[in-house]
């Protein structure tokens, strides 16, 4: 099996990618229904309130945001944070990067309207902005009542805070990813964990999450949802048949080897086929393949989201009739 080198993307691949991009948005009818559901969400800027608070105002801050102050943490820790110069610099950089949140809140409300259209959640979440000492593993968190955004993870790839991060992590600090990341957090709460340890099950699980993520925010490309550059996405499209053949020929789909997730599903600078061409590939090509499987199943089986979510990976593969485009 030969994976192709990254090169100038063919006219066909560019044309096919354009078709995908054109289909990213909802139909006008669906978008009209979504717009009718859109209402304003409440915003609470904990990062701003913490930045402006004094030690004497700590008790007021705790009363206003009790869920951010675990009882197990003594007040002395928070008092030290309020006095800490590094914490002050962190909050200052966030306030410079995000002096206003109006445009982002408009997108968040629209994202929630898509969520409402597809899943009818029982309540509206409140948006909370905060900092988390630059922990990229927890940039955003979605619960039934709260959507949390750690803004110190969205200051841009060239910011000094991220200079020691590998490039594939740095690129995710672009604030342009904030909305797709929140869509990802919401979708993760909807997809059941796989019941089997097969690589196929993990790949379909990731594919279901990405598929829902794009339904909840259909206004950006699949490349952006994957955190791929357009060149990386073009490579994945160009090599889709070869990647699938590689998985089949090496009997990976029903393998339970744990390293497959690290090779093909988890964030990484590139995927690991153990071939010379590896460094030409983007990381997480297994997620790209997973969403192709899920989309094929969805299109061929009545576009029923509830059925999609409860279908096992094994049954999904059987019913998807997936054939990579050549």
Foldseek 3Di string as FASTA:
>chain_A
DDQDFQDPFDPVLVVVLVVQLVPLDDDPVVLVQLVVQFDFAAEDELLVVLLPDALVCVVVSCVVPVVVDDPVDDSVVSNCLSVDPVNNVLSVLLCVQPVDCVVVRVLVSSLVSLVCSQPNQPDGAHEYEHADLQDLVPQWADDSHYIYGHLSLQSALVDPSCPVPPSLSSLCSHCVLVSLVSLLNVLLVVADQAPDLALLQVLLSLLSSLLSSSSSPSNDGSCSNVVHDPSQVSSLLVRVQVVVVLCVVVVRRGDNDPCQCVQAQDADQFHPSVDPSGNSHGHNSSNVNSNQLLVLLCVQPPNDSVCSRPDGSVVSNVRSPDDRDD
